[in-house]
Amino acid sequence: MAGWNPWHGCRKISEGCLHCYVYRMDAAHGKDSSQIAKTQAYDLPVRKNRKGQYQIPSGETVYTCFTSDFLLEDADPWRMTAWDMIRGGQCPLPSREVAASMSTLSSRVKSIGASFICSAWG
C-alpha cells in the first residue's frame, strides 16, 4: 500500500474542518496549511527506480490526498495531469487502484473528471 499527496494544504470550509489534523500537524511544524502547493511527490506515480521499474508497482493500492483535498479549486491547474497519472495516461499501469480521499464531493466533480470516475470505478 502506497501513499501519494500530489499537493498539500486545504481550506476550512465547514464545521467538519474545525479540528482538522492537517492544520494541527502543520501548526506543530510551523507550516501554514492554508497555503496550497504541489509537493515534491507530485509525480510519484510515474517515477522509476534505478532498475527502470515504477516506484509504485502496477496493482498497488494508492491512498492519496490525506494532507489536502483532491477537489480543491487551488489544485485545478494540476488535477488533469494527476488524473492522467492515476489512470495510467503517462505510464502503462492499467490495473492501478487509487483510493482518493475526496472530502468535498459536489457539482465540481463533473468539471474535473466525473466521466473518468464513472468509467474506471463504477
PDB file of N, CA and C in Angstrom:
ATOM      1  N   MET A   1       0.846  -1.169   0.000  1.00  0.00           N
ATOM      2  CA  MET A   1       0.000   0.000   0.000  1.00  0.00           C
ATOM      3  C   MET A   1       0.897   1.239   0.000  1.00  0.00           C
ATOM      4  N   ALA A   2       0.584   2.170  -0.871  1.00  0.00           N
ATOM      5  CA  ALA A   2       1.394   3.381  -1.009  1.00  0.00           C
ATOM      6  C   ALA A   2       0.562   4.627  -0.717  1.00  0.00           C
ATOM      7  N   GLY A   3       1.246   5.706  -0.368  1.00  0.00           N
ATOM      8  CA  GLY A   3       0.596   6.994  -0.161  1.00  0.00           C
ATOM      9  C   GLY A   3       1.116   8.003  -1.160  1.00  0.00           C
ATOM     10  N   TRP A   4       0.231   8.864  -1.638  1.00  0.00           N
ATOM     11  CA  TRP A   4       0.617   9.886  -2.617  1.00  0.00           C
ATOM     12  C   TRP A   4      -0.159  11.165  -2.332  1.00  0.00           C
ATOM     13  N   ASN A   5       0.577  12.212  -2.018  1.00  0.00           N
ATOM     14  CA  ASN A   5      -0.011  13.535  -1.818  1.00  0.00           C
ATOM     15  C   ASN A   5       0.532  14.451  -2.905  1.00  0.00           C
ATOM     16  N   PRO A   6      -0.215  14.616  -3.993  1.00  0.00           N
ATOM     17  CA  PRO A   6       0.284  15.448  -5.087  1.00  0.00           C
ATOM     18  C   PRO A   6       0.370  16.929  -4.717  1.00  0.00           C
ATOM     19  N   TRP A   7      -0.479  17.371  -3.807  1.00  0.00           N
ATOM     20  CA  TRP A   7      -0.405  18.747  -3.290  1.00  0.00           C
ATOM     21  C   TRP A   7      -0.729  18.720  -1.808  1.00  0.00           C
ATOM     22  N   HIS A   8      -0.379  19.818  -1.139  1.00  0.00           N
ATOM     23  CA  HIS A   8      -0.550  19.914   0.312  1.00  0.00           C
ATOM     24  C   HIS A   8      -1.270  21.213   0.640  1.00  0.00           C
ATOM     25  N   GLY A   9      -2.096  21.157   1.651  1.00  0.00           N
ATOM     26  CA  GLY A   9      -2.807  22.334   2.120  1.00  0.00           C
ATOM     27  C   GLY A   9      -4.281  22.227   1.812  1.00  0.00           C
ATOM     28  N   CYS A  10      -5.052  23.070   2.465  1.00  0.00           N
ATOM     29  CA  CYS A  10      -6.501  22.985   2.298  1.00  0.00           C
ATOM     30  C   CYS A  10      -7.152  24.271   2.789  1.00  0.00           C
ATOM     31  N   ARG A  11      -8.440  24.348   2.631  1.00  0.00           N
ATOM     32  CA  ARG A  11      -9.241  25.469   3.122  1.00  0.00           C
ATOM     33  C   ARG A  11     -10.291  24.912   4.079  1.00  0.00           C
ATOM     34  N   LYS A  12     -10.452  25.552   5.205  1.00  0.00           N
ATOM     35  CA  LYS A  12     -11.509  25.151   6.131  1.00  0.00           C
ATOM     36  C   LYS A  12     -12.822  25.718   5.602  1.00  0.00           C
ATOM     37  N   ILE A  13     -13.725  24.815   5.200  1.00  0.00           N
ATOM     38  CA  ILE A  13     -14.955  25.275   4.562  1.00  0.00           C
ATOM     39  C   ILE A  13     -16.223  24.876   5.308  1.00  0.00           C
ATOM     40  N   SER A  14     -16.095  24.056   6.352  1.00  0.00           N
ATOM     41  CA  SER A  14     -17.290  23.624   7.075  1.00  0.00           C
ATOM     42  C   SER A  14     -16.932  23.320   8.528  1.00  0.00           C
ATOM     43  N   GLU A  15     -17.954  23.013   9.328  1.00  0.00           N
ATOM     44  CA  GLU A  15     -17.721  22.650  10.725  1.00  0.00           C
ATOM     45  C   GLU A  15     -16.883  21.388  10.832  1.00  0.00           C
ATOM     46  N   GLY A  16     -16.972  20.523   9.835  1.00  0.00           N
ATOM     47  CA  GLY A  16     -16.185  19.299   9.825  1.00  0.00           C
ATOM     48  C   GLY A  16     -14.689  19.559   9.771  1.00  0.00           C
ATOM     49  N   CYS A  17     -14.322  20.757   9.357  1.00  0.00           N
ATOM     50  CA  CYS A  17     -12.908  21.127   9.244  1.00  0.00           C
ATOM     51  C   CYS A  17     -12.360  21.748  10.534  1.00  0.00           C
ATOM     52  N   LEU A  18     -13.229  21.964  11.502  1.00  0.00           N
ATOM     53  CA  LEU A  18     -12.861  22.685  12.716  1.00  0.00           C
ATOM     54  C   LEU A  18     -11.636  22.102  13.420  1.00  0.00           C
ATOM     55  N   HIS A  19     -11.546  20.794  13.513  1.00  0.00           N
ATOM     56  CA  HIS A  19     -10.437  20.144  14.218  1.00  0.00           C
ATOM     57  C   HIS A  19      -9.560  19.350  13.258  1.00  0.00           C
ATOM     58  N   CYS A  20      -9.305  19.900  12.092  1.00  0.00           N
ATOM     59  CA  CYS A  20      -8.540  19.223  11.040  1.00  0.00           C
ATOM     60  C   CYS A  20      -7.146  18.827  11.522  1.00  0.00           C
ATOM     61  N   TYR A  21      -6.817  17.538  11.361  1.00  0.00           N
ATOM     62  CA  TYR A  21      -5.498  17.056  11.796  1.00  0.00           C
ATOM     63  C   TYR A  21      -4.372  17.647  10.962  1.00  0.00           C
ATOM     64  N   VAL A  22      -4.626  17.988   9.691  1.00  0.00           N
ATOM     65  CA  VAL A  22      -3.573  18.569   8.853  1.00  0.00           C
ATOM     66  C   VAL A  22      -3.183  19.940   9.397  1.00  0.00           C
ATOM     67  N   TYR A  23      -4.163  20.753   9.726  1.00  0.00           N
ATOM     68  CA  TYR A  23      -3.871  22.072  10.295  1.00  0.00           C
ATOM     69  C   TYR A  23      -3.124  21.929  11.623  1.00  0.00           C
ATOM     70  N   ARG A  24      -3.555  20.981  12.445  1.00  0.00           N
ATOM     71  CA  ARG A  24      -2.923  20.775  13.752  1.00  0.00           C
ATOM     72  C   ARG A  24      -1.468  20.319  13.594  1.00  0.00           C
ATOM     73  N   MET A  25      -1.231  19.358  12.703  1.00  0.00           N
ATOM     74  CA  MET A  25       0.127  18.856  12.499  1.00  0.00           C
ATOM     75  C   MET A  25       1.026  19.911  11.867  1.00  0.00           C
ATOM     76  N   ASP A  26       0.480  20.635  10.883  1.00  0.00           N
ATOM     77  CA  ASP A  26       1.274  21.686  10.250  1.00  0.00           C
ATOM     78  C   ASP A  26       1.647  22.781  11.246  1.00  0.00           C
ATOM     79  N   ALA A  27       0.703  23.155  12.102  1.00  0.00           N
ATOM     80  CA  ALA A  27       0.972  24.194  13.104  1.00  0.00           C
ATOM     81  C   ALA A  27       2.117  23.770  14.025  1.00  0.00           C
ATOM     82  N   ALA A  28       2.162  22.495  14.369  1.00  0.00           N
ATOM     83  CA  ALA A  28       3.233  21.999  15.234  1.00  0.00           C
ATOM     84  C   ALA A  28       4.604  22.095  14.566  1.00  0.00           C
ATOM     85  N   HIS A  29       4.610  22.157  13.227  1.00  0.00           N
ATOM     86  CA  HIS A  29       5.860  22.262  12.474  1.00  0.00           C
ATOM     87  C   HIS A  29       6.064  23.644  11.847  1.00  0.00           C
ATOM     88  N   GLY A  30       5.234  24.624  12.273  1.00  0.00           N
ATOM     89  CA  GLY A  30       5.384  25.987  11.781  1.00  0.00           C
ATOM     90  C   GLY A  30       4.948  26.187  10.341  1.00  0.00           C
ATOM     91  N   LYS A  31       4.078  25.302   9.818  1.00  0.00           N
ATOM     92  CA  LYS A  31       3.582  25.427   8.444  1.00  0.00           C
ATOM     93  C   LYS A  31       2.201  26.064   8.441  1.00  0.00           C
ATOM     94  N   ASP A  32       1.883  26.717   7.342  1.00  0.00           N
ATOM     95  CA  ASP A  32       0.569  27.311   7.152  1.00  0.00           C
ATOM     96  C   ASP A  32      -0.231  26.405   6.215  1.00  0.00           C
ATOM     97  N   SER A  33      -1.194  25.676   6.745  1.00  0.00           N
ATOM     98  CA  SER A  33      -1.983  24.721   5.952  1.00  0.00           C
ATOM     99  C   SER A  33      -2.851  25.371   4.898  1.00  0.00           C
ATOM    100  N   SER A  34      -3.092  26.656   5.011  1.00  0.00           N
ATOM    101  CA  SER A  34      -3.935  27.322   4.024  1.00  0.00           C
ATOM    102  C   SER A  34      -3.161  27.641   2.739  1.00  0.00           C
ATOM    103  N   GLN A  35      -1.854  27.428   2.751  1.00  0.00           N
ATOM    104  CA  GLN A  35      -1.030  27.628   1.560  1.00  0.00           C
ATOM    105  C   GLN A  35      -1.035  26.329   0.749  1.00  0.00           C
ATOM    106  N   ILE A  36      -1.647  26.366  -0.430  1.00  0.00           N
ATOM    107  CA  ILE A  36      -1.780  25.184  -1.271  1.00  0.00           C
ATOM    108  C   ILE A  36      -0.603  25.140  -2.245  1.00  0.00           C
ATOM    109  N   ALA A  37       0.088  24.003  -2.281  1.00  0.00           N
ATOM    110  CA  ALA A  37       1.246  23.877  -3.175  1.00  0.00           C
ATOM    111  C   ALA A  37       1.430  22.432  -3.608  1.00  0.00           C
ATOM    112  N   LYS A  38       1.973  22.258  -4.818  1.00  0.00           N
ATOM    113  CA  LYS A  38       2.345  20.922  -5.266  1.00  0.00           C
ATOM    114  C   LYS A  38       3.464  20.424  -4.360  1.00  0.00           C
ATOM    115  N   THR A  39       3.469  19.128  -4.122  1.00  0.00           N
ATOM    116  CA  THR A  39       4.523  18.547  -3.292  1.00  0.00           C
ATOM    117  C   THR A  39       5.655  18.020  -4.169  1.00  0.00           C
ATOM    118  N   GLN A  40       6.756  17.692  -3.534  1.00  0.00           N
ATOM    119  CA  GLN A  40       7.870  17.081  -4.271  1.00  0.00           C
ATOM    120  C   GLN A  40       7.482  15.702  -4.786  1.00  0.00           C
ATOM    121  N   ALA A  41       6.444  15.107  -4.218  1.00  0.00           N
ATOM    122  CA  ALA A  41       5.976  13.778  -4.635  1.00  0.00           C
ATOM    123  C   ALA A  41       4.917  13.849  -5.736  1.00  0.00           C
ATOM    124  N   TYR A  42       4.699  15.025  -6.310  1.00  0.00           N
ATOM    125  CA  TYR A  42       3.637  15.200  -7.307  1.00  0.00           C
ATOM    126  C   TYR A  42       3.680  14.133  -8.397  1.00  0.00           C
ATOM    127  N   ASP A  43       4.859  13.813  -8.884  1.00  0.00           N
ATOM    128  CA  ASP A  43       4.976  12.863  -9.993  1.00  0.00           C
ATOM    129  C   ASP A  43       5.303  11.437  -9.540  1.00  0.00           C
ATOM    130  N   LEU A  44       5.081  11.124  -8.274  1.00  0.00           N
ATOM    131  CA  LEU A  44       5.415   9.810  -7.737  1.00  0.00           C
ATOM    132  C   LEU A  44       4.862   8.642  -8.562  1.00  0.00           C
ATOM    133  N   PRO A  45       3.621   8.699  -9.056  1.00  0.00           N
ATOM    134  CA  PRO A  45       3.101   7.548  -9.812  1.00  0.00           C
ATOM    135  C   PRO A  45       3.868   7.224 -11.095  1.00  0.00           C
ATOM    136  N   VAL A  46       4.641   8.164 -11.598  1.00  0.00           N
ATOM    137  CA  VAL A  46       5.381   7.890 -12.843  1.00  0.00           C
ATOM    138  C   VAL A  46       6.894   7.835 -12.625  1.00  0.00           C
ATOM    139  N   ARG A  47       7.318   7.930 -11.394  1.00  0.00           N
ATOM    140  CA  ARG A  47       8.761   7.834 -11.106  1.00  0.00           C
ATOM    141  C   ARG A  47       9.234   6.387 -11.225  1.00  0.00           C
ATOM    142  N   LYS A  48      10.453   6.263 -11.702  1.00  0.00           N
ATOM    143  CA  LYS A  48      11.054   4.934 -11.829  1.00  0.00           C
ATOM    144  C   LYS A  48      12.291   4.843 -10.943  1.00  0.00           C
ATOM    145  N   ASN A  49      12.608   3.620 -10.531  1.00  0.00           N
ATOM    146  CA  ASN A  49      13.811   3.406  -9.733  1.00  0.00           C
ATOM    147  C   ASN A  49      15.014   3.196 -10.658  1.00  0.00           C
ATOM    148  N   ARG A  50      16.146   2.893 -10.085  1.00  0.00           N
ATOM    149  CA  ARG A  50      17.370   2.729 -10.890  1.00  0.00           C
ATOM    150  C   ARG A  50      17.286   1.570 -11.864  1.00  0.00           C
ATOM    151  N   LYS A  51      16.417   0.621 -11.593  1.00  0.00           N
ATOM    152  CA  LYS A  51      16.255  -0.534 -12.484  1.00  0.00           C
ATOM    153  C   LYS A  51      15.242  -0.266 -13.597  1.00  0.00           C
ATOM    154  N   GLY A  52      14.679   0.964 -13.600  1.00  0.00           N
ATOM    155  CA  GLY A  52      13.706   1.322 -14.623  1.00  0.00           C
ATOM    156  C   GLY A  52      12.290   0.854 -14.317  1.00  0.00           C
ATOM    157  N   GLN A  53      12.060   0.399 -13.089  1.00  0.00           N
ATOM    158  CA  GLN A  53      10.726  -0.049 -12.683  1.00  0.00           C
ATOM    159  C   GLN A  53      10.012   1.096 -11.974  1.00  0.00           C
ATOM    160  N   TYR A  54       8.690   1.133 -12.098  1.00  0.00           N
ATOM    161  CA  TYR A  54       7.936   2.173 -11.406  1.00  0.00           C
ATOM    162  C   TYR A  54       8.089   2.002  -9.895  1.00  0.00           C
ATOM    163  N   GLN A  55       8.250   3.117  -9.190  1.00  0.00           N
ATOM    164  CA  GLN A  55       8.403   3.071  -7.738  1.00  0.00           C
ATOM    165  C   GLN A  55       7.143   2.534  -7.067  1.00  0.00           C
ATOM    166  N   ILE A  56       5.990   2.805  -7.678  1.00  0.00           N
ATOM    167  CA  ILE A  56       4.740   2.217  -7.204  1.00  0.00           C
ATOM    168  C   ILE A  56       4.370   1.151  -8.231  1.00  0.00           C
ATOM    169  N   PRO A  57       4.482  -0.114  -7.875  1.00  0.00           N
ATOM    170  CA  PRO A  57       4.232  -1.176  -8.848  1.00  0.00           C
ATOM    171  C   PRO A  57       2.778  -1.248  -9.296  1.00  0.00           C
ATOM    172  N   SER A  58       2.566  -1.748 -10.483  1.00  0.00           N
ATOM    173  CA  SER A  58       1.228  -1.961 -11.014  1.00  0.00           C
ATOM    174  C   SER A  58       0.431  -2.840 -10.061  1.00  0.00           C
ATOM    175  N   GLY A  59      -0.821  -2.478  -9.841  1.00  0.00           N
ATOM    176  CA  GLY A  59      -1.682  -3.244  -8.951  1.00  0.00           C
ATOM    177  C   GLY A  59      -1.661  -2.780  -7.514  1.00  0.00           C
ATOM    178  N   GLU A  60      -0.729  -1.918  -7.161  1.00  0.00           N
ATOM    179  CA  GLU A  60      -0.620  -1.409  -5.794  1.00  0.00           C
ATOM    180  C   GLU A  60      -1.797  -0.474  -5.500  1.00  0.00           C
ATOM    181  N   THR A  61      -2.380  -0.581  -4.312  1.00  0.00           N
ATOM    182  CA  THR A  61      -3.401   0.370  -3.889  1.00  0.00           C
ATOM    183  C   THR A  61      -2.688   1.639  -3.441  1.00  0.00           C
ATOM    184  N   VAL A  62      -3.157   2.776  -3.929  1.00  0.00           N
ATOM    185  CA  VAL A  62      -2.520   4.055  -3.625  1.00  0.00           C
ATOM    186  C   VAL A  62      -3.527   4.960  -2.930  1.00  0.00           C
ATOM    187  N   TYR A  63      -3.218   5.336  -1.701  1.00  0.00           N
ATOM    188  CA  TYR A  63      -4.068   6.263  -0.958  1.00  0.00           C
ATOM    189  C   TYR A  63      -3.542   7.669  -1.209  1.00  0.00           C
ATOM    190  N   THR A  64      -4.446   8.566  -1.537  1.00  0.00           N
ATOM    191  CA  THR A  64      -3.998   9.897  -1.936  1.00  0.00           C
ATOM    192  C   THR A  64      -4.758  11.017  -1.236  1.00  0.00           C
ATOM    193  N   CYS A  65      -4.099  12.148  -1.194  1.00  0.00           N
ATOM    194  CA  CYS A  65      -4.663  13.397  -0.665  1.00  0.00           C
ATOM    195  C   CYS A  65      -5.099  13.317   0.794  1.00  0.00           C
ATOM    196  N   PHE A  66      -4.257  12.752   1.637  1.00  0.00           N
ATOM    197  CA  PHE A  66      -4.590  12.785   3.052  1.00  0.00           C
ATOM    198  C   PHE A  66      -4.003  14.006   3.736  1.00  0.00           C
ATOM    199  N   THR A  67      -3.371  14.917   2.982  1.00  0.00           N
ATOM    200  CA  THR A  67      -2.961  16.213   3.522  1.00  0.00           C
ATOM    201  C   THR A  67      -3.565  17.348   2.706  1.00  0.00           C
ATOM    202  N   SER A  68      -4.602  17.041   1.959  1.00  0.00           N
ATOM    203  CA  SER A  68      -5.285  18.037   1.154  1.00  0.00           C
ATOM    204  C   SER A  68      -6.629  17.477   0.719  1.00  0.00           C
ATOM    205  N   ASP A  69      -7.194  18.064  -0.302  1.00  0.00           N
ATOM    206  CA  ASP A  69      -8.461  17.634  -0.875  1.00  0.00           C
ATOM    207  C   ASP A  69      -8.260  17.563  -2.382  1.00  0.00           C
ATOM    208  N   PHE A  70      -8.529  16.431  -2.985  1.00  0.00           N
ATOM    209  CA  PHE A  70      -8.298  16.272  -4.421  1.00  0.00           C
ATOM    210  C   PHE A  70      -9.115  17.270  -5.247  1.00  0.00           C
ATOM    211  N   LEU A  71     -10.266  17.687  -4.732  1.00  0.00           N
ATOM    212  CA  LEU A  71     -11.157  18.576  -5.484  1.00  0.00           C
ATOM    213  C   LEU A  71     -10.960  20.053  -5.166  1.00  0.00           C
ATOM    214  N   LEU A  72      -9.944  20.380  -4.424  1.00  0.00           N
ATOM    215  CA  LEU A  72      -9.662  21.761  -4.054  1.00  0.00           C
ATOM    216  C   LEU A  72      -9.466  22.638  -5.294  1.00  0.00           C
ATOM    217  N   GLU A  73     -10.149  23.774  -5.346  1.00  0.00           N
ATOM    218  CA  GLU A  73     -10.050  24.648  -6.524  1.00  0.00           C
ATOM    219  C   GLU A  73      -8.620  25.096  -6.805  1.00  0.00           C
ATOM    220  N   ASP A  74      -7.835  25.315  -5.763  1.00  0.00           N
ATOM    221  CA  ASP A  74      -6.448  25.751  -5.956  1.00  0.00           C
ATOM    222  C   ASP A  74      -5.634  24.723  -6.740  1.00  0.00           C
ATOM    223  N   ALA A  75      -6.081  23.478  -6.752  1.00  0.00           N
ATOM    224  CA  ALA A  75      -5.363  22.406  -7.449  1.00  0.00           C
ATOM    225  C   ALA A  75      -5.838  22.224  -8.884  1.00  0.00           C
ATOM    226  N   ASP A  76      -6.780  23.038  -9.337  1.00  0.00           N
ATOM    227  CA  ASP A  76      -7.298  22.908 -10.709  1.00  0.00           C
ATOM    228  C   ASP A  76      -6.195  22.837 -11.775  1.00  0.00           C
ATOM    229  N   PRO A  77      -5.157  23.672 -11.702  1.00  0.00           N
ATOM    230  CA  PRO A  77      -4.129  23.623 -12.750  1.00  0.00           C
ATOM    231  C   PRO A  77      -3.344  22.306 -12.806  1.00  0.00           C
ATOM    232  N   TRP A  78      -3.332  21.551 -11.706  1.00  0.00           N
ATOM    233  CA  TRP A  78      -2.524  20.327 -11.639  1.00  0.00           C
ATOM    234  C   TRP A  78      -3.354  19.056 -11.776  1.00  0.00           C
ATOM    235  N   ARG A  79      -4.669  19.173 -11.612  1.00  0.00           N
ATOM    236  CA  ARG A  79      -5.525  17.994 -11.484  1.00  0.00           C
ATOM    237  C   ARG A  79      -5.583  17.114 -12.732  1.00  0.00           C
ATOM    238  N   MET A  80      -5.652  17.689 -13.921  1.00  0.00           N
ATOM    239  CA  MET A  80      -5.760  16.849 -15.117  1.00  0.00           C
ATOM    240  C   MET A  80      -4.516  15.978 -15.294  1.00  0.00           C
ATOM    241  N   THR A  81      -3.352  16.520 -14.987  1.00  0.00           N
ATOM    242  CA  THR A  81      -2.136  15.711 -15.058  1.00  0.00           C
ATOM    243  C   THR A  81      -2.178  14.624 -13.995  1.00  0.00           C
ATOM    244  N   ALA A  82      -2.696  14.948 -12.805  1.00  0.00           N
ATOM    245  CA  ALA A  82      -2.834  13.937 -11.755  1.00  0.00           C
ATOM    246  C   ALA A  82      -3.778  12.827 -12.211  1.00  0.00           C
ATOM    247  N   TRP A  83      -4.906  13.203 -12.853  1.00  0.00           N
ATOM    248  CA  TRP A  83      -5.828  12.186 -13.392  1.00  0.00           C
ATOM    249  C   TRP A  83      -5.091  11.300 -14.395  1.00  0.00           C
ATOM    250  N   ASP A  84      -4.281  11.902 -15.257  1.00  0.00           N
ATOM    251  CA  ASP A  84      -3.521  11.118 -16.240  1.00  0.00           C
ATOM    252  C   ASP A  84      -2.614  10.112 -15.549  1.00  0.00           C
ATOM    253  N   MET A  85      -1.960  10.546 -14.478  1.00  0.00           N
ATOM    254  CA  MET A  85      -1.088   9.627 -13.752  1.00  0.00           C
ATOM    255  C   MET A  85      -1.905   8.521 -13.074  1.00  0.00           C
ATOM    256  N   ILE A  86      -3.069   8.873 -12.531  1.00  0.00           N
ATOM    257  CA  ILE A  86      -3.923   7.894 -11.856  1.00  0.00           C
ATOM    258  C   ILE A  86      -4.392   6.820 -12.830  1.00  0.00           C
ATOM    259  N   ARG A  87      -4.857   7.243 -13.987  1.00  0.00           N
ATOM    260  CA  ARG A  87      -5.402   6.251 -14.920  1.00  0.00           C
ATOM    261  C   ARG A  87      -4.333   5.641 -15.809  1.00  0.00           C
ATOM    262  N   GLY A  88      -3.085   6.031 -15.622  1.00  0.00           N
ATOM    263  CA  GLY A  88      -2.004   5.423 -16.373  1.00  0.00           C
ATOM    264  C   GLY A  88      -1.739   6.084 -17.701  1.00  0.00           C
ATOM    265  N   GLY A  89      -2.202   7.306 -17.873  1.00  0.00           N
ATOM    266  CA  GLY A  89      -2.012   8.010 -19.138  1.00  0.00           C
ATOM    267  C   GLY A  89      -0.559   8.293 -19.465  1.00  0.00           C
ATOM    268  N   GLN A  90       0.302   8.343 -18.444  1.00  0.00           N
ATOM    269  CA  GLN A  90       1.707   8.621 -18.682  1.00  0.00           C
ATOM    270  C   GLN A  90       2.565   7.384 -18.476  1.00  0.00           C
ATOM    271  N   CYS A  91       1.969   6.285 -18.055  1.00  0.00           N
ATOM    272  CA  CYS A  91       2.723   5.063 -17.860  1.00  0.00           C
ATOM    273  C   CYS A  91       1.767   3.876 -17.964  1.00  0.00           C
ATOM    274  N   PRO A  92       2.234   2.727 -18.363  1.00  0.00           N
ATOM    275  CA  PRO A  92       1.350   1.574 -18.567  1.00  0.00           C
ATOM    276  C   PRO A  92       0.988   0.861 -17.264  1.00  0.00           C
ATOM    277  N   LEU A  93       0.092   1.447 -16.488  1.00  0.00           N
ATOM    278  CA  LEU A  93      -0.322   0.847 -15.220  1.00  0.00           C
ATOM    279  C   LEU A  93      -1.838   0.669 -15.193  1.00  0.00           C
ATOM    280  N   PRO A  94      -2.384  -0.157 -16.080  1.00  0.00           N
ATOM    281  CA  PRO A  94      -3.841  -0.249 -16.191  1.00  0.00           C
ATOM    282  C   PRO A  94      -4.546  -0.838 -14.994  1.00  0.00           C
ATOM    283  N   SER A  95      -3.860  -1.612 -14.157  1.00  0.00           N
ATOM    284  CA  SER A  95      -4.551  -2.242 -13.041  1.00  0.00           C
ATOM    285  C   SER A  95      -4.434  -1.472 -11.739  1.00  0.00           C
ATOM    286  N   ARG A  96      -3.896  -0.253 -11.807  1.00  0.00           N
ATOM    287  CA  ARG A  96      -3.695   0.545 -10.599  1.00  0.00           C
ATOM    288  C   ARG A  96      -5.040   0.910  -9.952  1.00  0.00           C
ATOM    289  N   GLU A  97      -5.103   0.756  -8.645  1.00  0.00           N
ATOM    290  CA  GLU A  97      -6.270   1.206  -7.895  1.00  0.00           C
ATOM    291  C   GLU A  97      -5.874   2.451  -7.120  1.00  0.00           C
ATOM    292  N   VAL A  98      -6.762   3.405  -7.063  1.00  0.00           N
ATOM    293  CA  VAL A  98      -6.482   4.610  -6.296  1.00  0.00           C
ATOM    294  C   VAL A  98      -7.647   4.861  -5.352  1.00  0.00           C
ATOM    295  N   ALA A  99      -7.363   4.958  -4.081  1.00  0.00           N
ATOM    296  CA  ALA A  99      -8.393   5.287  -3.107  1.00  0.00           C
ATOM    297  C   ALA A  99      -8.199   6.749  -2.744  1.00  0.00           C
ATOM    298  N   ALA A 100      -8.958   7.627  -3.363  1.00  0.00           N
ATOM    299  CA  ALA A 100      -8.781   9.056  -3.151  1.00  0.00           C
ATOM    300  C   ALA A 100      -9.650   9.541  -1.999  1.00  0.00           C
ATOM    301  N   SER A 101      -9.073  10.344  -1.145  1.00  0.00           N
ATOM    302  CA  SER A 101      -9.832  10.962  -0.078  1.00  0.00           C
ATOM    303  C   SER A 101     -10.433  12.236  -0.637  1.00  0.00           C
ATOM    304  N   MET A 102     -11.705  12.172  -0.992  1.00  0.00           N
ATOM    305  CA  MET A 102     -12.363  13.322  -1.602  1.00  0.00           C
ATOM    306  C   MET A 102     -13.424  13.832  -0.637  1.00  0.00           C
ATOM    307  N   SER A 103     -13.049  14.770   0.180  1.00  0.00           N
ATOM    308  CA  SER A 103     -13.953  15.242   1.216  1.00  0.00           C
ATOM    309  C   SER A 103     -14.984  16.245   0.719  1.00  0.00           C
ATOM    310  N   THR A 104     -14.825  16.758  -0.493  1.00  0.00           N
ATOM    311  CA  THR A 104     -15.752  17.762  -0.987  1.00  0.00           C
ATOM    312  C   THR A 104     -16.385  17.309  -2.290  1.00  0.00           C
ATOM    313  N   LEU A 105     -17.252  16.304  -2.242  1.00  0.00           N
ATOM    314  CA  LEU A 105     -17.929  15.867  -3.454  1.00  0.00           C
ATOM    315  C   LEU A 105     -19.073  16.830  -3.726  1.00  0.00           C
ATOM    316  N   SER A 106     -19.047  17.440  -4.893  1.00  0.00           N
ATOM    317  CA  SER A 106     -20.061  18.422  -5.239  1.00  0.00           C
ATOM    318  C   SER A 106     -20.233  18.441  -6.737  1.00  0.00           C
ATOM    319  N   SER A 107     -20.899  19.464  -7.239  1.00  0.00           N
ATOM    320  CA  SER A 107     -21.099  19.585  -8.677  1.00  0.00           C
ATOM    321  C   SER A 107     -19.780  19.777  -9.417  1.00  0.00           C
ATOM    322  N   ARG A 108     -18.713  20.156  -8.699  1.00  0.00           N
ATOM    323  CA  ARG A 108     -17.394  20.319  -9.326  1.00  0.00           C
ATOM    324  C   ARG A 108     -16.874  19.010  -9.896  1.00  0.00           C
ATOM    325  N   VAL A 109     -17.360  17.872  -9.378  1.00  0.00           N
ATOM    326  CA  VAL A 109     -16.873  16.584  -9.845  1.00  0.00           C
ATOM    327  C   VAL A 109     -17.049  16.463 -11.357  1.00  0.00           C
ATOM    328  N   LYS A 110     -18.171  16.911 -11.863  1.00  0.00           N
ATOM    329  CA  LYS A 110     -18.406  16.817 -13.309  1.00  0.00           C
ATOM    330  C   LYS A 110     -17.354  17.573 -14.108  1.00  0.00           C
ATOM    331  N   SER A 111     -16.918  18.711 -13.604  1.00  0.00           N
ATOM    332  CA  SER A 111     -15.972  19.526 -14.357  1.00  0.00           C
ATOM    333  C   SER A 111     -14.537  19.033 -14.268  1.00  0.00           C
ATOM    334  N   ILE A 112     -14.261  18.096 -13.374  1.00  0.00           N
ATOM    335  CA  ILE A 112     -12.874  17.660 -13.214  1.00  0.00           C
ATOM    336  C   ILE A 112     -12.654  16.181 -13.430  1.00  0.00           C
ATOM    337  N   GLY A 113     -13.600  15.503 -14.046  1.00  0.00           N
ATOM    338  CA  GLY A 113     -13.317  14.119 -14.379  1.00  0.00           C
ATOM    339  C   GLY A 113     -14.363  13.109 -13.965  1.00  0.00           C
ATOM    340  N   ALA A 114     -15.607  13.523 -13.816  1.00  0.00           N
ATOM    341  CA  ALA A 114     -16.637  12.571 -13.414  1.00  0.00           C
ATOM    342  C   ALA A 114     -16.760  11.428 -14.401  1.00  0.00           C
ATOM    343  N   SER A 115     -16.601  11.695 -15.680  1.00  0.00           N
ATOM    344  CA  SER A 115     -16.726  10.617 -16.654  1.00  0.00           C
ATOM    345  C   SER A 115     -15.643   9.576 -16.429  1.00  0.00           C
ATOM    346  N   PHE A 116     -14.459  10.005 -16.025  1.00  0.00           N
ATOM    347  CA  PHE A 116     -13.378   9.058 -15.716  1.00  0.00           C
ATOM    348  C   PHE A 116     -13.734   8.248 -14.480  1.00  0.00           C
ATOM    349  N   ILE A 117     -14.219   8.926 -13.443  1.00  0.00           N
ATOM    350  CA  ILE A 117     -14.577   8.225 -12.215  1.00  0.00           C
ATOM    351  C   ILE A 117     -15.611   7.164 -12.512  1.00  0.00           C
ATOM    352  N   CYS A 118     -16.651   7.545 -13.258  1.00  0.00           N
ATOM    353  CA  CYS A 118     -17.728   6.599 -13.553  1.00  0.00           C
ATOM    354  C   CYS A 118     -17.242   5.424 -14.383  1.00  0.00           C
ATOM    355  N   SER A 119     -16.408   5.677 -15.383  1.00  0.00           N
ATOM    356  CA  SER A 119     -15.968   4.592 -16.243  1.00  0.00           C
ATOM    357  C   SER A 119     -14.908   3.708 -15.594  1.00  0.00           C
ATOM    358  N   ALA A 120     -14.061   4.275 -14.749  1.00  0.00           N
ATOM    359  CA  ALA A 120     -12.983   3.494 -14.161  1.00  0.00           C
ATOM    360  C   ALA A 120     -13.368   2.833 -12.852  1.00  0.00           C
ATOM    361  N   TRP A 121     -14.203   3.467 -12.049  1.00  0.00           N
ATOM    362  CA  TRP A 121     -14.508   2.946 -10.727  1.00  0.00           C
ATOM    363  C   TRP A 121     -15.963   2.587 -10.533  1.00  0.00           C
ATOM    364  N   GLY A 122     -16.756   2.672 -11.568  1.00  0.00           N
ATOM    365  CA  GLY A 122     -18.162   2.470 -11.301  1.00  0.00           C
ATOM    366  C   GLY A 122     -18.799   1.493 -12.178  1.00  0.00           C
TER     367      GLY A 122
END
